[in-house]
Amino acid sequence: KEVALAGVVLALVGLLGSLFIRPR
């Protein structure tokens, strides 16, 4: 469950990065 929690946090970080980082 700790691994799952870490995975959820990392998935959220990755999702935020893919949504808010604008490649130019």
mmCIF file of all heavy atoms, coordinates in Angstrom:
data_MODEL
# 
_entry.id   MODEL 
# 
loop_
_atom_site.group_PDB 
_atom_site.id 
_atom_site.type_symbol 
_atom_site.label_atom_id 
_atom_site.label_alt_id 
_atom_site.label_comp_id 
_atom_site.label_asym_id 
_atom_site.label_entity_id 
_atom_site.label_seq_id 
_atom_site.pdbx_PDB_ins_code 
_atom_site.Cartn_x 
_atom_site.Cartn_y 
_atom_site.Cartn_z 
_atom_site.occupancy 
_atom_site.B_iso_or_equiv 
_atom_site.pdbx_formal_charge 
_atom_site.auth_seq_id 
_atom_site.auth_comp_id 
_atom_site.auth_asym_id 
_atom_site.auth_atom_id 
_atom_site.pdbx_PDB_model_num 
ATOM 1   N N   . LYS A 1 1  ? 0.831  -1.210 0.000   1.00 0.00 ? 1  LYS A N   1 
ATOM 2   C CA  . LYS A 1 1  ? 0.000  0.000  0.000   1.00 0.00 ? 1  LYS A CA  1 
ATOM 3   C C   . LYS A 1 1  ? 0.864  1.259  0.000   1.00 0.00 ? 1  LYS A C   1 
ATOM 4   O O   . LYS A 1 1  ? 0.453  2.283  -0.554  1.00 0.00 ? 1  LYS A O   1 
ATOM 5   C CB  . LYS A 1 1  ? -0.937 -0.001 1.199   1.00 0.00 ? 1  LYS A CB  1 
ATOM 6   C CG  . LYS A 1 1  ? -0.254 -0.013 2.565   1.00 0.00 ? 1  LYS A CG  1 
ATOM 7   C CD  . LYS A 1 1  ? -1.264 -0.083 3.683   1.00 0.00 ? 1  LYS A CD  1 
ATOM 8   C CE  . LYS A 1 1  ? -0.577 -0.124 5.053   1.00 0.00 ? 1  LYS A CE  1 
ATOM 9   N NZ  . LYS A 1 1  ? -1.555 -0.216 6.151   1.00 0.00 ? 1  LYS A NZ  1 
ATOM 10  N N   . GLU A 1 2  ? 2.056  1.188  0.615   1.00 0.00 ? 2  GLU A N   1 
ATOM 11  C CA  . GLU A 1 2  ? 2.946  2.347  0.559   1.00 0.00 ? 2  GLU A CA  1 
ATOM 12  C C   . GLU A 1 2  ? 3.436  2.584  -0.868  1.00 0.00 ? 2  GLU A C   1 
ATOM 13  O O   . GLU A 1 2  ? 3.535  3.732  -1.320  1.00 0.00 ? 2  GLU A O   1 
ATOM 14  C CB  . GLU A 1 2  ? 4.143  2.149  1.493   1.00 0.00 ? 2  GLU A CB  1 
ATOM 15  C CG  . GLU A 1 2  ? 3.799  2.101  2.980   1.00 0.00 ? 2  GLU A CG  1 
ATOM 16  C CD  . GLU A 1 2  ? 3.353  0.741  3.435   1.00 0.00 ? 2  GLU A CD  1 
ATOM 17  O OE1 . GLU A 1 2  ? 3.378  -0.193 2.585   1.00 0.00 ? 2  GLU A OE1 1 
ATOM 18  O OE2 . GLU A 1 2  ? 2.974  0.569  4.608   1.00 0.00 ? 2  GLU A OE2 1 
ATOM 19  N N   . VAL A 1 3  ? 3.699  1.479  -1.587  1.00 0.00 ? 3  VAL A N   1 
ATOM 20  C CA  . VAL A 1 3  ? 4.119  1.611  -2.984  1.00 0.00 ? 3  VAL A CA  1 
ATOM 21  C C   . VAL A 1 3  ? 2.981  2.188  -3.813  1.00 0.00 ? 3  VAL A C   1 
ATOM 22  O O   . VAL A 1 3  ? 3.187  3.040  -4.687  1.00 0.00 ? 3  VAL A O   1 
ATOM 23  C CB  . VAL A 1 3  ? 4.559  0.243  -3.535  1.00 0.00 ? 3  VAL A CB  1 
ATOM 24  C CG1 . VAL A 1 3  ? 4.919  0.343  -5.013  1.00 0.00 ? 3  VAL A CG1 1 
ATOM 25  C CG2 . VAL A 1 3  ? 5.737  -0.289 -2.735  1.00 0.00 ? 3  VAL A CG2 1 
ATOM 26  N N   . ALA A 1 4  ? 1.759  1.728  -3.540  1.00 0.00 ? 4  ALA A N   1 
ATOM 27  C CA  . ALA A 1 4  ? 0.602  2.255  -4.270  1.00 0.00 ? 4  ALA A CA  1 
ATOM 28  C C   . ALA A 1 4  ? 0.417  3.744  -4.000  1.00 0.00 ? 4  ALA A C   1 
ATOM 29  O O   . ALA A 1 4  ? 0.120  4.519  -4.917  1.00 0.00 ? 4  ALA A O   1 
ATOM 30  C CB  . ALA A 1 4  ? -0.659 1.492  -3.873  1.00 0.00 ? 4  ALA A CB  1 
ATOM 31  N N   . LEU A 1 5  ? 0.595  4.156  -2.737  1.00 0.00 ? 5  LEU A N   1 
ATOM 32  C CA  . LEU A 1 5  ? 0.472  5.576  -2.405  1.00 0.00 ? 5  LEU A CA  1 
ATOM 33  C C   . LEU A 1 5  ? 1.544  6.391  -3.118  1.00 0.00 ? 5  LEU A C   1 
ATOM 34  O O   . LEU A 1 5  ? 1.254  7.463  -3.682  1.00 0.00 ? 5  LEU A O   1 
ATOM 35  C CB  . LEU A 1 5  ? 0.583  5.766  -0.890  1.00 0.00 ? 5  LEU A CB  1 
ATOM 36  C CG  . LEU A 1 5  ? 0.534  7.211  -0.388  1.00 0.00 ? 5  LEU A CG  1 
ATOM 37  C CD1 . LEU A 1 5  ? -0.776 7.879  -0.790  1.00 0.00 ? 5  LEU A CD1 1 
ATOM 38  C CD2 . LEU A 1 5  ? 0.717  7.268  1.126   1.00 0.00 ? 5  LEU A CD2 1 
ATOM 39  N N   . ALA A 1 6  ? 2.770  5.875  -3.120  1.00 0.00 ? 6  ALA A N   1 
ATOM 40  C CA  . ALA A 1 6  ? 3.839  6.584  -3.833  1.00 0.00 ? 6  ALA A CA  1 
ATOM 41  C C   . ALA A 1 6  ? 3.533  6.668  -5.318  1.00 0.00 ? 6  ALA A C   1 
ATOM 42  O O   . ALA A 1 6  ? 3.770  7.697  -5.966  1.00 0.00 ? 6  ALA A O   1 
ATOM 43  C CB  . ALA A 1 6  ? 5.170  5.885  -3.596  1.00 0.00 ? 6  ALA A CB  1 
ATOM 44  N N   . GLY A 1 7  ? 2.972  5.590  -5.879  1.00 0.00 ? 7  GLY A N   1 
ATOM 45  C CA  . GLY A 1 7  ? 2.603  5.607  -7.286  1.00 0.00 ? 7  GLY A CA  1 
ATOM 46  C C   . GLY A 1 7  ? 1.534  6.624  -7.592  1.00 0.00 ? 7  GLY A C   1 
ATOM 47  O O   . GLY A 1 7  ? 1.590  7.317  -8.621  1.00 0.00 ? 7  GLY A O   1 
ATOM 48  N N   . VAL A 1 8  ? 0.549  6.751  -6.703  1.00 0.00 ? 8  VAL A N   1 
ATOM 49  C CA  . VAL A 1 8  ? -0.517 7.740  -6.906  1.00 0.00 ? 8  VAL A CA  1 
ATOM 50  C C   . VAL A 1 8  ? 0.051  9.160  -6.862  1.00 0.00 ? 8  VAL A C   1 
ATOM 51  O O   . VAL A 1 8  ? -0.300 10.020 -7.681  1.00 0.00 ? 8  VAL A O   1 
ATOM 52  C CB  . VAL A 1 8  ? -1.617 7.558  -5.840  1.00 0.00 ? 8  VAL A CB  1 
ATOM 53  C CG1 . VAL A 1 8  ? -2.601 8.715  -5.886  1.00 0.00 ? 8  VAL A CG1 1 
ATOM 54  C CG2 . VAL A 1 8  ? -2.354 6.244  -6.064  1.00 0.00 ? 8  VAL A CG2 1 
ATOM 55  N N   . VAL A 1 9  ? 0.950  9.402  -5.887  1.00 0.00 ? 9  VAL A N   1 
ATOM 56  C CA  . VAL A 1 9  ? 1.556  10.737 -5.779  1.00 0.00 ? 9  VAL A CA  1 
ATOM 57  C C   . VAL A 1 9  ? 2.379  11.053 -7.026  1.00 0.00 ? 9  VAL A C   1 
ATOM 58  O O   . VAL A 1 9  ? 2.287  12.150 -7.592  1.00 0.00 ? 9  VAL A O   1 
ATOM 59  C CB  . VAL A 1 9  ? 2.425  10.821 -4.504  1.00 0.00 ? 9  VAL A CB  1 
ATOM 60  C CG1 . VAL A 1 9  ? 3.196  12.142 -4.469  1.00 0.00 ? 9  VAL A CG1 1 
ATOM 61  C CG2 . VAL A 1 9  ? 1.548  10.691 -3.261  1.00 0.00 ? 9  VAL A CG2 1 
ATOM 62  N N   . LEU A 1 10 ? 3.187  10.087 -7.469  1.00 0.00 ? 10 LEU A N   1 
ATOM 63  C CA  . LEU A 1 10 ? 4.004  10.316 -8.661  1.00 0.00 ? 10 LEU A CA  1 
ATOM 64  C C   . LEU A 1 10 ? 3.134  10.490 -9.904  1.00 0.00 ? 10 LEU A C   1 
ATOM 65  O O   . LEU A 1 10 ? 3.453  11.306 -10.782 1.00 0.00 ? 10 LEU A O   1 
ATOM 66  C CB  . LEU A 1 10 ? 4.969  9.149  -8.860  1.00 0.00 ? 10 LEU A CB  1 
ATOM 67  C CG  . LEU A 1 10 ? 6.093  9.029  -7.822  1.00 0.00 ? 10 LEU A CG  1 
ATOM 68  C CD1 . LEU A 1 10 ? 6.933  7.786  -8.092  1.00 0.00 ? 10 LEU A CD1 1 
ATOM 69  C CD2 . LEU A 1 10 ? 6.974  10.271 -7.822  1.00 0.00 ? 10 LEU A CD2 1 
ATOM 70  N N   . ALA A 1 11 ? 2.041  9.735  -9.990  1.00 0.00 ? 11 ALA A N   1 
ATOM 71  C CA  . ALA A 1 11 ? 1.129  9.899  -11.126 1.00 0.00 ? 11 ALA A CA  1 
ATOM 72  C C   . ALA A 1 11 ? 0.519  11.294 -11.133 1.00 0.00 ? 11 ALA A C   1 
ATOM 73  O O   . ALA A 1 11 ? 0.364  11.918 -12.190 1.00 0.00 ? 11 ALA A O   1 
ATOM 74  C CB  . ALA A 1 11 ? 0.034  8.838  -11.080 1.00 0.00 ? 11 ALA A CB  1 
ATOM 75  N N   . LEU A 1 12 ? 0.174  11.799 -9.940  1.00 0.00 ? 12 LEU A N   1 
ATOM 76  C CA  . LEU A 1 12 ? -0.376 13.146 -9.851  1.00 0.00 ? 12 LEU A CA  1 
ATOM 77  C C   . LEU A 1 12 ? 0.660  14.193 -10.256 1.00 0.00 ? 12 LEU A C   1 
ATOM 78  O O   . LEU A 1 12 ? 0.345  15.141 -10.989 1.00 0.00 ? 12 LEU A O   1 
ATOM 79  C CB  . LEU A 1 12 ? -0.864 13.411 -8.419  1.00 0.00 ? 12 LEU A CB  1 
ATOM 80  C CG  . LEU A 1 12 ? -1.488 14.780 -8.156  1.00 0.00 ? 12 LEU A CG  1 
ATOM 81  C CD1 . LEU A 1 12 ? -2.717 14.994 -9.035  1.00 0.00 ? 12 LEU A CD1 1 
ATOM 82  C CD2 . LEU A 1 12 ? -1.875 14.930 -6.682  1.00 0.00 ? 12 LEU A CD2 1 
ATOM 83  N N   . VAL A 1 13 ? 1.905  13.996 -9.809  1.00 0.00 ? 13 VAL A N   1 
ATOM 84  C CA  . VAL A 1 13 ? 2.973  14.923 -10.193 1.00 0.00 ? 13 VAL A CA  1 
ATOM 85  C C   . VAL A 1 13 ? 3.176  14.900 -11.706 1.00 0.00 ? 13 VAL A C   1 
ATOM 86  O O   . VAL A 1 13 ? 3.298  15.946 -12.369 1.00 0.00 ? 13 VAL A O   1 
ATOM 87  C CB  . VAL A 1 13 ? 4.277  14.570 -9.457  1.00 0.00 ? 13 VAL A CB  1 
ATOM 88  C CG1 . VAL A 1 13 ? 5.440  15.399 -9.998  1.00 0.00 ? 13 VAL A CG1 1 
ATOM 89  C CG2 . VAL A 1 13 ? 4.127  14.808 -7.953  1.00 0.00 ? 13 VAL A CG2 1 
ATOM 90  N N   . GLY A 1 14 ? 3.205  13.691 -12.269 1.00 0.00 ? 14 GLY A N   1 
ATOM 91  C CA  . GLY A 1 14 ? 3.376  13.578 -13.714 1.00 0.00 ? 14 GLY A CA  1 
ATOM 92  C C   . GLY A 1 14 ? 2.228  14.189 -14.481 1.00 0.00 ? 14 GLY A C   1 
ATOM 93  O O   . GLY A 1 14 ? 2.426  14.845 -15.514 1.00 0.00 ? 14 GLY A O   1 
ATOM 94  N N   . LEU A 1 15 ? 1.003  13.986 -13.973 1.00 0.00 ? 15 LEU A N   1 
ATOM 95  C CA  . LEU A 1 15 ? -0.165 14.555 -14.654 1.00 0.00 ? 15 LEU A CA  1 
ATOM 96  C C   . LEU A 1 15 ? -0.132 16.076 -14.604 1.00 0.00 ? 15 LEU A C   1 
ATOM 97  O O   . LEU A 1 15 ? -0.426 16.751 -15.610 1.00 0.00 ? 15 LEU A O   1 
ATOM 98  C CB  . LEU A 1 15 ? -1.443 14.028 -13.992 1.00 0.00 ? 15 LEU A CB  1 
ATOM 99  C CG  . LEU A 1 15 ? -2.759 14.496 -14.601 1.00 0.00 ? 15 LEU A CG  1 
ATOM 100 C CD1 . LEU A 1 15 ? -2.873 14.049 -16.047 1.00 0.00 ? 15 LEU A CD1 1 
ATOM 101 C CD2 . LEU A 1 15 ? -3.944 13.971 -13.795 1.00 0.00 ? 15 LEU A CD2 1 
ATOM 102 N N   . LEU A 1 16 ? 0.216  16.627 -13.452 1.00 0.00 ? 16 LEU A N   1 
ATOM 103 C CA  . LEU A 1 16 ? 0.309  18.088 -13.345 1.00 0.00 ? 16 LEU A CA  1 
ATOM 104 C C   . LEU A 1 16 ? 1.383  18.623 -14.287 1.00 0.00 ? 16 LEU A C   1 
ATOM 105 O O   . LEU A 1 16 ? 1.198  19.671 -14.930 1.00 0.00 ? 16 LEU A O   1 
ATOM 106 C CB  . LEU A 1 16 ? 0.617  18.484 -11.898 1.00 0.00 ? 16 LEU A CB  1 
ATOM 107 C CG  . LEU A 1 16 ? -0.489 18.238 -10.872 1.00 0.00 ? 16 LEU A CG  1 
ATOM 108 C CD1 . LEU A 1 16 ? -0.003 18.578 -9.472  1.00 0.00 ? 16 LEU A CD1 1 
ATOM 109 C CD2 . LEU A 1 16 ? -1.733 19.055 -11.205 1.00 0.00 ? 16 LEU A CD2 1 
ATOM 110 N N   . GLY A 1 17 ? 2.508  17.900 -14.368 1.00 0.00 ? 17 GLY A N   1 
ATOM 111 C CA  . GLY A 1 17 ? 3.561  18.341 -15.272 1.00 0.00 ? 17 GLY A CA  1 
ATOM 112 C C   . GLY A 1 17 ? 3.119  18.316 -16.722 1.00 0.00 ? 17 GLY A C   1 
ATOM 113 O O   . GLY A 1 17 ? 3.377  19.249 -17.492 1.00 0.00 ? 17 GLY A O   1 
ATOM 114 N N   . SER A 1 18 ? 2.402  17.244 -17.122 1.00 0.00 ? 18 SER A N   1 
ATOM 115 C CA  . SER A 1 18 ? 1.962  17.146 -18.510 1.00 0.00 ? 18 SER A CA  1 
ATOM 116 C C   . SER A 1 18 ? 0.870  18.149 -18.835 1.00 0.00 ? 18 SER A C   1 
ATOM 117 O O   . SER A 1 18 ? 0.680  18.507 -20.001 1.00 0.00 ? 18 SER A O   1 
ATOM 118 C CB  . SER A 1 18 ? 1.459  15.723 -18.794 1.00 0.00 ? 18 SER A CB  1 
ATOM 119 O OG  . SER A 1 18 ? 0.322  15.423 -18.002 1.00 0.00 ? 18 SER A OG  1 
ATOM 120 N N   . LEU A 1 19 ? 0.150  18.623 -17.813 1.00 0.00 ? 19 LEU A N   1 
ATOM 121 C CA  . LEU A 1 19 ? -0.927 19.587 -18.050 1.00 0.00 ? 19 LEU A CA  1 
ATOM 122 C C   . LEU A 1 19 ? -0.440 21.033 -18.045 1.00 0.00 ? 19 LEU A C   1 
ATOM 123 O O   . LEU A 1 19 ? -0.932 21.861 -18.833 1.00 0.00 ? 19 LEU A O   1 
ATOM 124 C CB  . LEU A 1 19 ? -2.028 19.414 -16.997 1.00 0.00 ? 19 LEU A CB  1 
ATOM 125 C CG  . LEU A 1 19 ? -2.870 18.140 -17.088 1.00 0.00 ? 19 LEU A CG  1 
ATOM 126 C CD1 . LEU A 1 19 ? -3.862 18.076 -15.924 1.00 0.00 ? 19 LEU A CD1 1 
ATOM 127 C CD2 . LEU A 1 19 ? -3.625 18.068 -18.412 1.00 0.00 ? 19 LEU A CD2 1 
ATOM 128 N N   . PHE A 1 20 ? 0.496  21.346 -17.182 1.00 0.00 ? 20 PHE A N   1 
ATOM 129 C CA  . PHE A 1 20 ? 0.849  22.755 -16.972 1.00 0.00 ? 20 PHE A CA  1 
ATOM 130 C C   . PHE A 1 20 ? 2.195  23.165 -17.575 1.00 0.00 ? 20 PHE A C   1 
ATOM 131 O O   . PHE A 1 20 ? 2.470  24.347 -17.678 1.00 0.00 ? 20 PHE A O   1 
ATOM 132 C CB  . PHE A 1 20 ? 0.842  23.080 -15.472 1.00 0.00 ? 20 PHE A CB  1 
ATOM 133 C CG  . PHE A 1 20 ? -0.524 22.986 -14.853 1.00 0.00 ? 20 PHE A CG  1 
ATOM 134 C CD1 . PHE A 1 20 ? -0.880 21.903 -14.069 1.00 0.00 ? 20 PHE A CD1 1 
ATOM 135 C CD2 . PHE A 1 20 ? -1.460 23.979 -15.074 1.00 0.00 ? 20 PHE A CD2 1 
ATOM 136 C CE1 . PHE A 1 20 ? -2.150 21.812 -13.506 1.00 0.00 ? 20 PHE A CE1 1 
ATOM 137 C CE2 . PHE A 1 20 ? -2.722 23.897 -14.517 1.00 0.00 ? 20 PHE A CE2 1 
ATOM 138 C CZ  . PHE A 1 20 ? -3.075 22.820 -13.739 1.00 0.00 ? 20 PHE A CZ  1 
ATOM 139 N N   . ILE A 1 21 ? 3.039  22.207 -17.906 1.00 0.00 ? 21 ILE A N   1 
ATOM 140 C CA  . ILE A 1 21 ? 4.288  22.565 -18.578 1.00 0.00 ? 21 ILE A CA  1 
ATOM 141 C C   . ILE A 1 21 ? 3.996  22.727 -20.064 1.00 0.00 ? 21 ILE A C   1 
ATOM 142 O O   . ILE A 1 21 ? 3.493  21.795 -20.711 1.00 0.00 ? 21 ILE A O   1 
ATOM 143 C CB  . ILE A 1 21 ? 5.370  21.493 -18.350 1.00 0.00 ? 21 ILE A CB  1 
ATOM 144 C CG1 . ILE A 1 21 ? 5.738  21.410 -16.868 1.00 0.00 ? 21 ILE A CG1 1 
ATOM 145 C CG2 . ILE A 1 21 ? 6.609  21.803 -19.180 1.00 0.00 ? 21 ILE A CG2 1 
ATOM 146 C CD1 . ILE A 1 21 ? 6.747  20.335 -16.539 1.00 0.00 ? 21 ILE A CD1 1 
ATOM 147 N N   . ARG A 1 22 ? 4.287  23.885 -20.610 1.00 0.00 ? 22 ARG A N   1 
ATOM 148 C CA  . ARG A 1 22 ? 3.972  24.181 -21.999 1.00 0.00 ? 22 ARG A CA  1 
ATOM 149 C C   . ARG A 1 22 ? 5.265  24.109 -22.820 1.00 0.00 ? 22 ARG A C   1 
ATOM 150 O O   . ARG A 1 22 ? 6.151  24.961 -22.670 1.00 0.00 ? 22 ARG A O   1 
ATOM 151 C CB  . ARG A 1 22 ? 3.333  25.556 -22.138 1.00 0.00 ? 22 ARG A CB  1 
ATOM 152 C CG  . ARG A 1 22 ? 2.146  25.786 -21.207 1.00 0.00 ? 22 ARG A CG  1 
ATOM 153 C CD  . ARG A 1 22 ? 1.359  27.001 -21.641 1.00 0.00 ? 22 ARG A CD  1 
ATOM 154 N NE  . ARG A 1 22 ? 0.650  26.749 -22.878 1.00 0.00 ? 22 ARG A NE  1 
ATOM 155 C CZ  . ARG A 1 22 ? -0.564 26.190 -22.926 1.00 0.00 ? 22 ARG A CZ  1 
ATOM 156 N NH1 . ARG A 1 22 ? -1.175 25.830 -21.813 1.00 0.00 ? 22 ARG A NH1 1 
ATOM 157 N NH2 . ARG A 1 22 ? -1.156 26.004 -24.091 1.00 0.00 ? 22 ARG A NH2 1 
ATOM 158 N N   . PRO A 1 23 ? 5.389  23.130 -23.691 1.00 0.00 ? 23 PRO A N   1 
ATOM 159 C CA  . PRO A 1 23 ? 6.597  23.034 -24.532 1.00 0.00 ? 23 PRO A CA  1 
ATOM 160 C C   . PRO A 1 23 ? 6.584  24.099 -25.632 1.00 0.00 ? 23 PRO A C   1 
ATOM 161 O O   . PRO A 1 23 ? 5.579  24.267 -26.335 1.00 0.00 ? 23 PRO A O   1 
ATOM 162 C CB  . PRO A 1 23 ? 6.497  21.624 -25.114 1.00 0.00 ? 23 PRO A CB  1 
ATOM 163 C CG  . PRO A 1 23 ? 5.040  21.292 -25.094 1.00 0.00 ? 23 PRO A CG  1 
ATOM 164 C CD  . PRO A 1 23 ? 4.459  22.013 -23.913 1.00 0.00 ? 23 PRO A CD  1 
ATOM 165 N N   . ARG A 1 24 ? 7.684  24.813 -25.770 1.00 0.00 ? 24 ARG A N   1 
ATOM 166 C CA  . ARG A 1 24 ? 7.789  25.869 -26.782 1.00 0.00 ? 24 ARG A CA  1 
ATOM 167 C C   . ARG A 1 24 ? 9.127  25.736 -27.512 1.00 0.00 ? 24 ARG A C   1 
ATOM 168 O O   . ARG A 1 24 ? 10.137 25.339 -26.932 1.00 0.00 ? 24 ARG A O   1 
ATOM 169 C CB  . ARG A 1 24 ? 7.698  27.261 -26.150 1.00 0.00 ? 24 ARG A CB  1 
ATOM 170 C CG  . ARG A 1 24 ? 6.349  27.587 -25.558 1.00 0.00 ? 24 ARG A CG  1 
ATOM 171 C CD  . ARG A 1 24 ? 6.275  29.066 -25.199 1.00 0.00 ? 24 ARG A CD  1 
ATOM 172 N NE  . ARG A 1 24 ? 4.963  29.429 -24.688 1.00 0.00 ? 24 ARG A NE  1 
ATOM 173 C CZ  . ARG A 1 24 ? 4.670  29.546 -23.408 1.00 0.00 ? 24 ARG A CZ  1 
ATOM 174 N NH1 . ARG A 1 24 ? 5.606  29.326 -22.522 1.00 0.00 ? 24 ARG A NH1 1 
ATOM 175 N NH2 . ARG A 1 24 ? 3.448  29.889 -23.022 1.00 0.00 ? 24 ARG A NH2 1 
# 
